[in-house]
Amino acid sequence: MVYLSIEDGISDIFLFINSPGRWLISGMAIFDTMRTVTPDIYTICLRIAASMASFILLGGEPTKRIAFPHARIMLHQPASAYYRARTPEFLLEVEELHTKFAK
């Protein structure tokens, strides 16, 4: 996305999604990149956008989010398998997420 934005900062970027999701940290990096680049991002769900992939799908411009008729989108409560930590460390992660989305 960054490369496409540098090459042509005017044309919309199309992000096709077919993913079961997975890692929170990697997904947040993609989401942040989508919000940073100048062109609008179309997000198009081809078949499945589950877990973090559904979050990325929602990161596209509000009027430019598309799901094919037989596509499936699965949202769930926030969870992270990235950390298998005790409660204090987990609370730090929750606080970081809260700070990120409070903007």
N, C-alpha and C. Protein backbone atom coordinates (compact mmCIF):
# COMPACT_ATOMS: atom_id res chain seq x y z
N MET A 1 0.82 -1.19 0.00
CA MET A 1 0.00 0.00 0.00
C MET A 1 0.87 1.25 0.00
N VAL A 2 1.92 1.22 0.77
CA VAL A 2 2.81 2.38 0.81
C VAL A 2 3.43 2.60 -0.56
N TYR A 3 3.90 1.52 -1.19
CA TYR A 3 4.50 1.63 -2.52
C TYR A 3 3.49 2.19 -3.52
N LEU A 4 2.28 1.65 -3.52
CA LEU A 4 1.25 2.13 -4.45
C LEU A 4 0.93 3.60 -4.19
N SER A 5 0.91 3.99 -2.94
CA SER A 5 0.64 5.38 -2.59
C SER A 5 1.76 6.30 -3.09
N ILE A 6 3.00 5.84 -2.99
CA ILE A 6 4.12 6.64 -3.47
C ILE A 6 4.09 6.75 -4.99
N GLU A 7 3.79 5.65 -5.67
CA GLU A 7 3.76 5.64 -7.13
C GLU A 7 2.64 6.51 -7.69
N ASP A 8 1.47 6.44 -7.06
CA ASP A 8 0.32 7.21 -7.52
C ASP A 8 -0.53 7.57 -6.30
N GLY A 9 -0.38 8.78 -5.82
CA GLY A 9 -1.07 9.20 -4.60
C GLY A 9 -2.51 9.61 -4.80
N ILE A 10 -3.05 9.44 -6.02
CA ILE A 10 -4.41 9.86 -6.31
C ILE A 10 -5.36 8.67 -6.47
N SER A 11 -4.95 7.67 -7.23
CA SER A 11 -5.82 6.53 -7.53
C SER A 11 -6.11 5.71 -6.28
N ASP A 12 -7.37 5.23 -6.19
CA ASP A 12 -7.76 4.37 -5.08
C ASP A 12 -6.95 3.07 -5.10
N ILE A 13 -6.81 2.47 -3.93
CA ILE A 13 -6.12 1.19 -3.78
C ILE A 13 -7.17 0.14 -3.45
N PHE A 14 -7.06 -1.03 -4.09
CA PHE A 14 -8.00 -2.13 -3.86
C PHE A 14 -7.30 -3.22 -3.06
N LEU A 15 -7.89 -3.59 -1.92
CA LEU A 15 -7.35 -4.65 -1.07
C LEU A 15 -8.36 -5.80 -1.05
N PHE A 16 -7.99 -6.91 -1.67
CA PHE A 16 -8.87 -8.08 -1.73
C PHE A 16 -8.57 -8.98 -0.54
N ILE A 17 -9.63 -9.39 0.16
CA ILE A 17 -9.46 -10.15 1.40
C ILE A 17 -10.11 -11.52 1.26
N ASN A 18 -9.34 -12.54 1.57
CA ASN A 18 -9.82 -13.92 1.69
C ASN A 18 -8.93 -14.56 2.76
N SER A 19 -9.32 -14.38 4.02
CA SER A 19 -8.42 -14.75 5.10
C SER A 19 -9.18 -15.19 6.35
N PRO A 20 -8.66 -16.19 7.06
CA PRO A 20 -9.24 -16.57 8.34
C PRO A 20 -8.76 -15.68 9.48
N GLY A 21 -7.96 -14.66 9.16
CA GLY A 21 -7.47 -13.76 10.20
C GLY A 21 -6.25 -14.34 10.89
N ARG A 22 -6.02 -13.97 12.10
CA ARG A 22 -4.99 -14.49 12.99
C ARG A 22 -4.40 -13.41 13.86
N TRP A 23 -3.19 -12.96 13.56
CA TRP A 23 -2.38 -12.21 14.50
C TRP A 23 -2.80 -10.76 14.67
N LEU A 24 -2.99 -10.37 15.91
CA LEU A 24 -3.40 -9.02 16.26
C LEU A 24 -2.36 -7.98 15.84
N ILE A 25 -1.10 -8.20 16.18
CA ILE A 25 -0.06 -7.22 15.92
C ILE A 25 0.11 -6.98 14.42
N SER A 26 0.16 -8.05 13.63
CA SER A 26 0.29 -7.91 12.18
C SER A 26 -0.92 -7.22 11.57
N GLY A 27 -2.10 -7.58 12.04
CA GLY A 27 -3.32 -6.96 11.54
C GLY A 27 -3.39 -5.48 11.86
N MET A 28 -2.93 -5.10 13.05
CA MET A 28 -2.92 -3.68 13.41
C MET A 28 -1.94 -2.91 12.53
N ALA A 29 -0.83 -3.54 12.13
CA ALA A 29 0.12 -2.88 11.24
C ALA A 29 -0.52 -2.61 9.88
N ILE A 30 -1.28 -3.58 9.37
CA ILE A 30 -1.98 -3.39 8.10
C ILE A 30 -3.03 -2.29 8.24
N PHE A 31 -3.80 -2.34 9.32
CA PHE A 31 -4.85 -1.34 9.56
C PHE A 31 -4.24 0.06 9.65
N ASP A 32 -3.16 0.20 10.40
CA ASP A 32 -2.50 1.51 10.53
C ASP A 32 -1.99 2.02 9.19
N THR A 33 -1.45 1.12 8.38
CA THR A 33 -0.98 1.52 7.05
C THR A 33 -2.14 2.01 6.19
N MET A 34 -3.27 1.33 6.28
CA MET A 34 -4.45 1.74 5.51
C MET A 34 -4.89 3.15 5.90
N ARG A 35 -4.80 3.46 7.18
CA ARG A 35 -5.23 4.77 7.66
C ARG A 35 -4.20 5.86 7.35
N THR A 36 -2.96 5.46 7.06
CA THR A 36 -1.88 6.42 6.86
C THR A 36 -1.75 6.88 5.42
N VAL A 37 -1.94 5.97 4.46
CA VAL A 37 -1.73 6.33 3.06
C VAL A 37 -2.80 7.31 2.59
N THR A 38 -2.45 8.13 1.61
CA THR A 38 -3.34 9.17 1.12
C THR A 38 -4.54 8.65 0.32
N PRO A 39 -4.34 7.73 -0.63
CA PRO A 39 -5.49 7.27 -1.43
C PRO A 39 -6.53 6.53 -0.58
N ASP A 40 -7.77 6.55 -1.05
CA ASP A 40 -8.81 5.75 -0.40
C ASP A 40 -8.52 4.28 -0.63
N ILE A 41 -8.90 3.45 0.36
CA ILE A 41 -8.69 2.01 0.26
C ILE A 41 -10.04 1.33 0.11
N TYR A 42 -10.24 0.63 -1.01
CA TYR A 42 -11.37 -0.26 -1.18
C TYR A 42 -11.01 -1.57 -0.50
N THR A 43 -11.89 -2.10 0.34
CA THR A 43 -11.67 -3.43 0.89
C THR A 43 -12.78 -4.33 0.35
N ILE A 44 -12.37 -5.44 -0.23
CA ILE A 44 -13.30 -6.33 -0.92
C ILE A 44 -13.12 -7.74 -0.37
N CYS A 45 -14.17 -8.27 0.25
CA CYS A 45 -14.13 -9.63 0.78
C CYS A 45 -14.56 -10.59 -0.32
N LEU A 46 -13.64 -11.46 -0.73
CA LEU A 46 -13.93 -12.42 -1.80
C LEU A 46 -14.68 -13.64 -1.29
N ARG A 47 -14.25 -14.22 -0.16
CA ARG A 47 -14.87 -15.42 0.35
C ARG A 47 -15.04 -15.39 1.86
N ILE A 48 -13.96 -15.13 2.60
CA ILE A 48 -14.06 -15.10 4.06
C ILE A 48 -13.16 -14.01 4.63
N ALA A 49 -13.70 -13.30 5.60
CA ALA A 49 -12.93 -12.33 6.38
C ALA A 49 -13.30 -12.60 7.83
N ALA A 50 -12.45 -13.35 8.50
CA ALA A 50 -12.73 -13.75 9.87
C ALA A 50 -11.69 -13.14 10.80
N SER A 51 -12.12 -12.92 12.03
CA SER A 51 -11.22 -12.45 13.08
C SER A 51 -10.54 -11.14 12.67
N MET A 52 -9.23 -11.10 12.65
CA MET A 52 -8.50 -9.87 12.32
C MET A 52 -8.76 -9.42 10.89
N ALA A 53 -9.03 -10.36 9.99
CA ALA A 53 -9.32 -10.00 8.60
C ALA A 53 -10.61 -9.18 8.50
N SER A 54 -11.58 -9.46 9.37
CA SER A 54 -12.82 -8.67 9.36
C SER A 54 -12.55 -7.25 9.84
N PHE A 55 -11.63 -7.11 10.78
CA PHE A 55 -11.24 -5.79 11.26
C PHE A 55 -10.57 -4.99 10.14
N ILE A 56 -9.71 -5.66 9.36
CA ILE A 56 -9.06 -5.01 8.22
C ILE A 56 -10.10 -4.62 7.18
N LEU A 57 -11.08 -5.50 6.94
CA LEU A 57 -12.17 -5.19 6.00
C LEU A 57 -12.88 -3.90 6.42
N LEU A 58 -13.12 -3.74 7.70
CA LEU A 58 -13.79 -2.54 8.21
C LEU A 58 -12.89 -1.31 8.19
N GLY A 59 -11.60 -1.51 7.97
CA GLY A 59 -10.66 -0.39 7.91
C GLY A 59 -10.69 0.36 6.60
N GLY A 60 -11.37 -0.18 5.60
CA GLY A 60 -11.49 0.53 4.32
C GLY A 60 -12.39 1.74 4.45
N GLU A 61 -12.37 2.58 3.44
CA GLU A 61 -13.25 3.76 3.46
C GLU A 61 -14.70 3.31 3.66
N PRO A 62 -15.47 3.99 4.49
CA PRO A 62 -16.83 3.55 4.81
C PRO A 62 -17.72 3.29 3.59
N THR A 63 -17.59 4.06 2.55
CA THR A 63 -18.43 3.85 1.37
C THR A 63 -17.78 2.93 0.35
N LYS A 64 -16.62 2.36 0.69
CA LYS A 64 -15.87 1.54 -0.26
C LYS A 64 -15.52 0.17 0.32
N ARG A 65 -16.45 -0.38 1.10
CA ARG A 65 -16.29 -1.73 1.66
C ARG A 65 -17.28 -2.63 0.94
N ILE A 66 -16.77 -3.73 0.41
CA ILE A 66 -17.62 -4.60 -0.41
C ILE A 66 -17.41 -6.05 0.03
N ALA A 67 -18.50 -6.82 0.02
CA ALA A 67 -18.41 -8.27 0.24
C ALA A 67 -19.21 -8.94 -0.87
N PHE A 68 -18.63 -9.94 -1.50
CA PHE A 68 -19.33 -10.68 -2.54
C PHE A 68 -20.55 -11.36 -1.92
N PRO A 69 -21.57 -11.69 -2.74
CA PRO A 69 -22.82 -12.24 -2.20
C PRO A 69 -22.65 -13.48 -1.31
N HIS A 70 -21.72 -14.36 -1.63
CA HIS A 70 -21.55 -15.57 -0.83
C HIS A 70 -20.37 -15.48 0.13
N ALA A 71 -19.84 -14.30 0.31
CA ALA A 71 -18.74 -14.10 1.26
C ALA A 71 -19.27 -14.18 2.69
N ARG A 72 -18.40 -14.53 3.60
CA ARG A 72 -18.76 -14.61 5.02
C ARG A 72 -17.80 -13.75 5.83
N ILE A 73 -18.38 -13.01 6.78
CA ILE A 73 -17.59 -12.14 7.65
C ILE A 73 -17.87 -12.57 9.08
N MET A 74 -16.81 -12.84 9.84
CA MET A 74 -16.97 -13.30 11.20
C MET A 74 -16.27 -12.33 12.15
N LEU A 75 -17.06 -11.73 13.04
CA LEU A 75 -16.53 -10.85 14.09
C LEU A 75 -16.64 -11.58 15.42
N HIS A 76 -15.72 -11.30 16.32
CA HIS A 76 -15.82 -11.86 17.66
C HIS A 76 -15.25 -10.87 18.66
N GLN A 77 -15.44 -11.16 19.92
CA GLN A 77 -14.90 -10.30 20.97
C GLN A 77 -13.38 -10.27 20.86
N PRO A 78 -12.75 -9.14 21.21
CA PRO A 78 -11.29 -9.06 21.13
C PRO A 78 -10.62 -10.14 21.98
N ALA A 79 -9.61 -10.75 21.41
CA ALA A 79 -8.82 -11.76 22.10
C ALA A 79 -7.43 -11.77 21.50
N SER A 80 -6.47 -12.24 22.25
CA SER A 80 -5.10 -12.29 21.73
C SER A 80 -4.43 -13.57 22.19
N ALA A 81 -3.97 -14.35 21.23
CA ALA A 81 -3.16 -15.53 21.54
C ALA A 81 -1.69 -15.17 21.48
N TYR A 82 -1.40 -13.92 21.14
CA TYR A 82 -0.02 -13.46 21.02
C TYR A 82 0.67 -13.52 22.38
N TYR A 83 -0.08 -13.15 23.40
CA TYR A 83 0.49 -13.16 24.75
C TYR A 83 -0.13 -14.30 25.54
N ARG A 84 0.71 -15.11 26.10
CA ARG A 84 0.26 -16.12 27.06
C ARG A 84 0.82 -15.68 28.41
N ALA A 85 0.36 -14.51 28.84
CA ALA A 85 0.96 -13.88 30.01
C ALA A 85 0.00 -13.90 31.19
N ARG A 86 0.56 -13.52 32.33
CA ARG A 86 -0.26 -13.38 33.52
C ARG A 86 -1.11 -12.11 33.41
N THR A 87 -2.01 -11.93 34.31
CA THR A 87 -2.97 -10.84 34.28
C THR A 87 -2.35 -9.45 34.14
N PRO A 88 -1.31 -9.07 34.86
CA PRO A 88 -0.77 -7.70 34.70
C PRO A 88 -0.32 -7.39 33.27
N GLU A 89 0.34 -8.36 32.62
CA GLU A 89 0.77 -8.13 31.25
C GLU A 89 -0.42 -8.03 30.30
N PHE A 90 -1.43 -8.86 30.55
CA PHE A 90 -2.62 -8.82 29.71
C PHE A 90 -3.35 -7.48 29.87
N LEU A 91 -3.39 -6.96 31.08
CA LEU A 91 -4.03 -5.67 31.32
C LEU A 91 -3.30 -4.55 30.59
N LEU A 92 -1.99 -4.65 30.48
CA LEU A 92 -1.23 -3.66 29.71
C LEU A 92 -1.63 -3.69 28.24
N GLU A 93 -1.83 -4.89 27.70
CA GLU A 93 -2.27 -5.01 26.31
C GLU A 93 -3.66 -4.41 26.13
N VAL A 94 -4.56 -4.69 27.05
CA VAL A 94 -5.91 -4.14 26.98
C VAL A 94 -5.87 -2.62 27.03
N GLU A 95 -5.04 -2.08 27.92
CA GLU A 95 -4.91 -0.62 28.02
C GLU A 95 -4.37 -0.02 26.72
N GLU A 96 -3.42 -0.69 26.09
CA GLU A 96 -2.87 -0.22 24.81
C GLU A 96 -3.95 -0.21 23.73
N LEU A 97 -4.75 -1.27 23.67
CA LEU A 97 -5.85 -1.31 22.69
C LEU A 97 -6.86 -0.20 22.97
N HIS A 98 -7.17 0.01 24.24
CA HIS A 98 -8.11 1.06 24.60
C HIS A 98 -7.58 2.43 24.18
N THR A 99 -6.31 2.68 24.42
CA THR A 99 -5.69 3.95 24.03
C THR A 99 -5.74 4.12 22.52
N LYS A 100 -5.48 3.04 21.79
CA LYS A 100 -5.46 3.08 20.32
C LYS A 100 -6.83 3.45 19.76
N PHE A 101 -7.88 2.87 20.32
CA PHE A 101 -9.21 3.07 19.76
C PHE A 101 -9.98 4.22 20.39
N ALA A 102 -9.43 4.85 21.40
CA ALA A 102 -10.09 5.98 22.04
C ALA A 102 -9.97 7.25 21.20
N LYS A 103 -9.11 7.22 20.20
CA LYS A 103 -8.87 8.41 19.36
C LYS A 103 -10.05 8.75 18.50
